[in-house]
C-alpha atoms as a PDB file:
ATOM      1  CA  MET A   1       4.887  -5.548 -32.612  1.00  0.00           C
ATOM      2  CA  PRO A   2       4.957  -6.068 -28.892  1.00  0.00           C
ATOM      3  CA  LEU A   3       2.457  -4.306 -26.576  1.00  0.00           C
ATOM      4  CA  LEU A   4       4.039  -1.523 -24.289  1.00  0.00           C
ATOM      5  CA  ALA A   5       3.099  -0.453 -21.082  1.00  0.00           C
ATOM      6  CA  ARG A   6       1.135   2.938 -22.406  1.00  0.00           C
ATOM      7  CA  ASP A   7      -1.049   0.516 -24.573  1.00  0.00           C
ATOM      8  CA  LEU A   8      -2.502  -1.056 -21.254  1.00  0.00           C
ATOM      9  CA  MET A   9      -1.817   1.517 -18.440  1.00  0.00           C
ATOM     10  CA  GLN A  10      -4.884   2.913 -16.822  1.00  0.00           C
ATOM     11  CA  THR A  11      -4.723   6.772 -17.426  1.00  0.00           C
ATOM     12  CA  SER A  12      -7.178   7.895 -15.087  1.00  0.00           C
ATOM     13  CA  VAL A  13      -5.201   7.097 -11.718  1.00  0.00           C
ATOM     14  CA  HIS A  14      -6.802   7.844  -8.338  1.00  0.00           C
ATOM     15  CA  VAL A  15      -3.974   8.960  -6.011  1.00  0.00           C
ATOM     16  CA  VAL A  16      -3.878   9.617  -2.219  1.00  0.00           C
ATOM     17  CA  SER A  17      -1.932  11.951  -0.082  1.00  0.00           C
ATOM     18  CA  PRO A  18       0.740  10.829   2.459  1.00  0.00           C
ATOM     19  CA  HIS A  19      -1.110  12.995   4.922  1.00  0.00           C
ATOM     20  CA  MET A  20      -4.400  10.942   4.743  1.00  0.00           C
ATOM     21  CA  THR A  21      -5.250   8.943   7.890  1.00  0.00           C
ATOM     22  CA  LEU A  22      -5.503   5.153   7.622  1.00  0.00           C
ATOM     23  CA  PRO A  23      -9.553   5.178   8.267  1.00  0.00           C
ATOM     24  CA  ASP A  24      -9.898   7.555   5.191  1.00  0.00           C
ATOM     25  CA  LEU A  25      -7.663   5.359   3.264  1.00  0.00           C
ATOM     26  CA  GLU A  26      -9.618   2.258   4.158  1.00  0.00           C
ATOM     27  CA  ARG A  27     -12.826   4.136   3.035  1.00  0.00           C
ATOM     28  CA  GLU A  28     -11.225   5.149  -0.333  1.00  0.00           C
ATOM     29  CA  LEU A  29     -10.335   1.675  -0.889  1.00  0.00           C
ATOM     30  CA  ILE A  30     -13.771   0.197  -0.433  1.00  0.00           C
ATOM     31  CA  ALA A  31     -15.530   3.102  -2.134  1.00  0.00           C
ATOM     32  CA  ARG A  32     -13.035   2.735  -5.372  1.00  0.00           C
ATOM     33  CA  ARG A  33     -13.010  -1.111  -5.204  1.00  0.00           C
ATOM     34  CA  VAL A  34      -9.438  -1.360  -5.535  1.00  0.00           C
ATOM     35  CA  SER A  35      -6.456  -2.591  -3.179  1.00  0.00           C
ATOM     36  CA  GLY A  36      -3.862   0.147  -3.510  1.00  0.00           C
ATOM     37  CA  PHE A  37      -3.172   3.615  -4.604  1.00  0.00           C
ATOM     38  CA  PRO A  38      -0.082   5.564  -5.684  1.00  0.00           C
ATOM     39  CA  VAL A  39       0.755   7.968  -3.199  1.00  0.00           C
ATOM     40  CA  VAL A  40       1.443  11.680  -4.502  1.00  0.00           C
ATOM     41  CA  ASP A  41       2.711  14.701  -2.731  1.00  0.00           C
ATOM     42  CA  ALA A  42       3.201  18.271  -4.354  1.00  0.00           C
ATOM     43  CA  GLY A  43       2.552  16.481  -7.721  1.00  0.00           C
ATOM     44  CA  LYS A  44       5.412  14.047  -7.150  1.00  0.00           C
ATOM     45  CA  LEU A  45       5.194  10.176  -6.618  1.00  0.00           C
ATOM     46  CA  VAL A  46       6.532   9.534  -3.400  1.00  0.00           C
ATOM     47  CA  GLY A  47       4.919   5.883  -2.381  1.00  0.00           C
ATOM     48  CA  ILE A  48       2.397   3.381  -2.929  1.00  0.00           C
ATOM     49  CA  VAL A  49       0.210   2.048  -0.464  1.00  0.00           C
ATOM     50  CA  SER A  50      -2.034  -1.237  -0.308  1.00  0.00           C
ATOM     51  CA  ARG A  51      -4.387  -3.252   1.842  1.00  0.00           C
ATOM     52  CA  SER A  52      -1.536  -5.346   2.747  1.00  0.00           C
ATOM     53  CA  ASP A  53       0.585  -2.319   4.198  1.00  0.00           C
ATOM     54  CA  ILE A  54      -2.224  -1.504   6.555  1.00  0.00           C
ATOM     55  CA  VAL A  55      -2.636  -5.205   7.714  1.00  0.00           C
ATOM     56  CA  ARG A  56       1.130  -5.206   8.160  1.00  0.00           C
ATOM     57  CA  GLN A  57       0.889  -2.088  10.493  1.00  0.00           C
ATOM     58  CA  LEU A  58      -2.069  -3.342  12.190  1.00  0.00           C
ATOM     59  CA  CYS A  59      -0.070  -6.651  13.071  1.00  0.00           C
ATOM     60  CA  ALA A  60       2.664  -4.588  14.383  1.00  0.00           C
ATOM     61  CA  GLU A  61       0.462  -2.547  16.444  1.00  0.00           C
ATOM     62  CA  ARG A  62      -1.231  -5.387  17.998  1.00  0.00           C
ATOM     63  CA  SER A  63       2.348  -7.165  18.942  1.00  0.00           C
ATOM     64  CA  LEU A  64       3.168  -3.745  20.484  1.00  0.00           C
ATOM     65  CA  ALA A  65      -0.108  -3.835  22.352  1.00  0.00           C
ATOM     66  CA  GLU A  66       0.696  -7.353  23.596  1.00  0.00           C
ATOM     67  CA  VAL A  67       3.880  -6.389  24.850  1.00  0.00           C
ATOM     68  CA  ILE A  68       2.527  -3.506  26.883  1.00  0.00           C
ATOM     69  CA  ALA A  69      -0.123  -5.762  28.242  1.00  0.00           C
ATOM     70  CA  ASP A  70       2.319  -8.295  29.181  1.00  0.00           C
ATOM     71  CA  TYR A  71       4.438  -5.617  30.873  1.00  0.00           C
ATOM     72  CA  HIS A  72       1.309  -4.210  32.749  1.00  0.00           C
ATOM     73  CA  ASN A  73       0.170  -7.722  33.846  1.00  0.00           C
ATOM     74  CA  ASP A  74       3.797  -8.546  35.074  1.00  0.00           C
ATOM     75  CA  ALA A  75       3.968  -5.189  36.840  1.00  0.00           C
ATOM     76  CA  VAL A  76       0.613  -5.913  38.891  1.00  0.00           C
ATOM     77  CA  GLU A  77       1.545  -9.617  39.577  1.00  0.00           C
ATOM     78  CA  SER A  78       4.877  -8.289  41.260  1.00  0.00           C
ATOM     79  CA  GLY A  79       3.234  -5.628  43.046  1.00  0.00           C
ATOM     80  CA  ARG A  80       4.712  -2.555  40.971  1.00  0.00           C
ATOM     81  CA  HIS A  81       2.633   0.462  40.208  1.00  0.00           C
ATOM     82  CA  ALA A  82       1.085   0.050  36.915  1.00  0.00           C
ATOM     83  CA  THR A  83       0.213   3.374  35.082  1.00  0.00           C
ATOM     84  CA  ALA A  84      -2.539   1.842  32.963  1.00  0.00           C
ATOM     85  CA  GLY A  85      -5.170  -0.741  33.026  1.00  0.00           C
ATOM     86  CA  SER A  86      -5.802  -3.095  30.137  1.00  0.00           C
ATOM     87  CA  THR A  87      -8.718  -1.501  28.630  1.00  0.00           C
ATOM     88  CA  ASP A  88      -6.568   1.868  28.666  1.00  0.00           C
ATOM     89  CA  ILE A  89      -3.952   0.159  26.592  1.00  0.00           C
ATOM     90  CA  GLY A  90      -6.741  -1.303  24.098  1.00  0.00           C
ATOM     91  CA  ASP A  91      -8.022   2.360  23.923  1.00  0.00           C
ATOM     92  CA  ARG A  92      -4.613   3.987  23.361  1.00  0.00           C
ATOM     93  CA  VAL A  93      -3.745   1.590  20.723  1.00  0.00           C
ATOM     94  CA  GLY A  94      -6.948   2.422  19.030  1.00  0.00           C
ATOM     95  CA  ARG A  95      -6.513   5.932  19.085  1.00  0.00           C
ATOM     96  CA  ARG A  96      -2.880   5.458  17.773  1.00  0.00           C
ATOM     97  CA  ILE A  97      -4.302   3.668  14.891  1.00  0.00           C
ATOM     98  CA  GLU A  98      -6.648   6.190  13.997  1.00  0.00           C
ATOM     99  CA  GLN A  99      -4.088   8.888  14.017  1.00  0.00           C
ATOM    100  CA  LEU A 100      -1.636   6.941  11.637  1.00  0.00           C
ATOM    101  CA  ARG A 101      -1.217   8.644   8.106  1.00  0.00           C
ATOM    102  CA  VAL A 102      -0.821   6.876   4.831  1.00  0.00           C
ATOM    103  CA  ALA A 103       2.971   7.984   5.075  1.00  0.00           C
ATOM    104  CA  ASP A 104       3.451   5.749   8.150  1.00  0.00           C
ATOM    105  CA  VAL A 105       2.682   2.714   6.221  1.00  0.00           C
ATOM    106  CA  MET A 106       3.301   3.215   2.468  1.00  0.00           C
ATOM    107  CA  ILE A 107       6.066   1.741   0.742  1.00  0.00           C
ATOM    108  CA  HIS A 108       8.653   4.352  -0.160  1.00  0.00           C
ATOM    109  CA  ASP A 109      10.877   2.641  -2.415  1.00  0.00           C
ATOM    110  CA  VAL A 110       8.527   2.587  -5.378  1.00  0.00           C
ATOM    111  CA  VAL A 111       8.971   0.308  -8.325  1.00  0.00           C
ATOM    112  CA  ALA A 112       7.676   2.042 -11.500  1.00  0.00           C
ATOM    113  CA  VAL A 113       8.084   1.548 -15.334  1.00  0.00           C
ATOM    114  CA  GLU A 114       8.186   3.884 -18.207  1.00  0.00           C
ATOM    115  CA  PRO A 115       5.417   3.883 -20.817  1.00  0.00           C
ATOM    116  CA  THR A 116       7.558   2.541 -23.435  1.00  0.00           C
ATOM    117  CA  MET A 117       8.577  -0.798 -21.419  1.00  0.00           C
ATOM    118  CA  PRO A 118       7.306  -3.934 -22.951  1.00  0.00           C
ATOM    119  CA  LEU A 119       4.385  -5.643 -21.369  1.00  0.00           C
ATOM    120  CA  VAL A 120       6.580  -8.779 -21.083  1.00  0.00           C
ATOM    121  CA  ASP A 121       8.969  -6.717 -19.232  1.00  0.00           C
ATOM    122  CA  VAL A 122       6.212  -5.033 -17.028  1.00  0.00           C
ATOM    123  CA  ALA A 123       4.924  -8.884 -16.101  1.00  0.00           C
ATOM    124  CA  ARG A 124       8.457  -9.802 -15.538  1.00  0.00           C
ATOM    125  CA  THR A 125       9.069  -6.924 -13.011  1.00  0.00           C
ATOM    126  CA  MET A 126       5.761  -7.577 -11.401  1.00  0.00           C
ATOM    127  CA  HIS A 127       6.972 -11.153 -11.015  1.00  0.00           C
ATOM    128  CA  GLU A 128      10.212 -10.494  -9.859  1.00  0.00           C
ATOM    129  CA  ARG A 129       9.654  -7.651  -7.222  1.00  0.00           C
ATOM    130  CA  ARG A 130       6.330  -9.425  -6.135  1.00  0.00           C
ATOM    131  CA  VAL A 131       4.276  -6.337  -6.666  1.00  0.00           C
ATOM    132  CA  HIS A 132       0.361  -6.280  -7.652  1.00  0.00           C
ATOM    133  CA  ARG A 133       0.512  -2.711  -9.397  1.00  0.00           C
ATOM    134  CA  LEU A 134       3.133  -0.591 -11.010  1.00  0.00           C
ATOM    135  CA  PRO A 135       3.102   3.141 -11.593  1.00  0.00           C
ATOM    136  CA  VAL A 136       3.907   4.198 -15.049  1.00  0.00           C
ATOM    137  CA  VAL A 137       6.073   7.540 -14.856  1.00  0.00           C
ATOM    138  CA  GLU A 138       7.465   9.780 -17.614  1.00  0.00           C
ATOM    139  CA  GLY A 139       9.772  12.354 -16.925  1.00  0.00           C
ATOM    140  CA  GLY A 140       9.160  11.874 -13.099  1.00  0.00           C
ATOM    141  CA  ARG A 141       5.575  12.365 -13.498  1.00  0.00           C
ATOM    142  CA  LEU A 142       2.914   9.769 -12.752  1.00  0.00           C
ATOM    143  CA  VAL A 143       0.861   9.209 -16.074  1.00  0.00           C
ATOM    144  CA  GLY A 144      -0.844   5.848 -15.421  1.00  0.00           C
ATOM    145  CA  ILE A 145      -0.733   2.389 -13.568  1.00  0.00           C
ATOM    146  CA  ILE A 146      -0.790  -1.162 -14.692  1.00  0.00           C
ATOM    147  CA  ALA A 147      -2.353  -3.505 -12.245  1.00  0.00           C
ATOM    148  CA  ALA A 148      -1.847  -7.211 -12.358  1.00  0.00           C
ATOM    149  CA  ILE A 149      -5.429  -7.846 -13.207  1.00  0.00           C
ATOM    150  CA  ASP A 150      -4.665  -5.826 -16.500  1.00  0.00           C
ATOM    151  CA  LEU A 151      -2.282  -8.411 -17.363  1.00  0.00           C
ATOM    152  CA  ALA A 152      -4.187 -11.076 -16.596  1.00  0.00           C
ATOM    153  CA  ARG A 153      -7.007  -9.655 -18.803  1.00  0.00           C
ATOM    154  CA  LEU A 154      -4.711  -9.341 -21.707  1.00  0.00           C
ATOM    155  CA  VAL A 155      -3.505 -13.369 -21.270  1.00  0.00           C
ATOM    156  CA  ALA A 156      -7.248 -14.366 -20.942  1.00  0.00           C
ATOM    157  CA  GLU A 157      -8.164 -12.515 -24.241  1.00  0.00           C
ATOM    158  CA  GLY A 158      -5.026 -14.026 -25.926  1.00  0.00           C
ATOM    159  CA  ARG A 159      -3.423 -10.591 -26.706  1.00  0.00           C
ATOM    160  CA  LEU A 160      -0.350 -10.957 -24.779  1.00  0.00           C
ATOM    161  CA  VAL A 161       2.528 -12.167 -27.017  1.00  0.00           C
ATOM    162  CA  GLN A 162       6.083 -12.133 -26.764  1.00  0.00           C
ATOM    163  CA  ALA A 163       8.131 -10.528 -29.661  1.00  0.00           C
END
């Protein structure tokens, strides 16, 4: 009999709020030694967030800061009035990052599976959708999570077999 998502899912799932700041999220990721969390608001799964989402946002912020700095430098060189110095720009970007919330960077279109999905299909879904963790939902409620490392452990133990 093939293993199902419910046979592997972790049922003790730490979740975060979409209102959590990115610095708080980073602290949670480090403290819990994980790379991502389901995002739950009012008991409903509303997203998923990972370190790569933070990195993507930081890259976007850096690019925006570079555009602003280039504009500032062009304005100074052409003799136009510039409203902020380059250190002010860096400070503003830093303050903006401190104010960003999980909702600003999370993936809203969550790929989730049901507890009755065979693990072979769970692995296939992870591969095809290029995700490292899948929330397990039942009746719209988060009941667990499966991470790629959980599947890798089963393969290493020789317990993942296809029916």
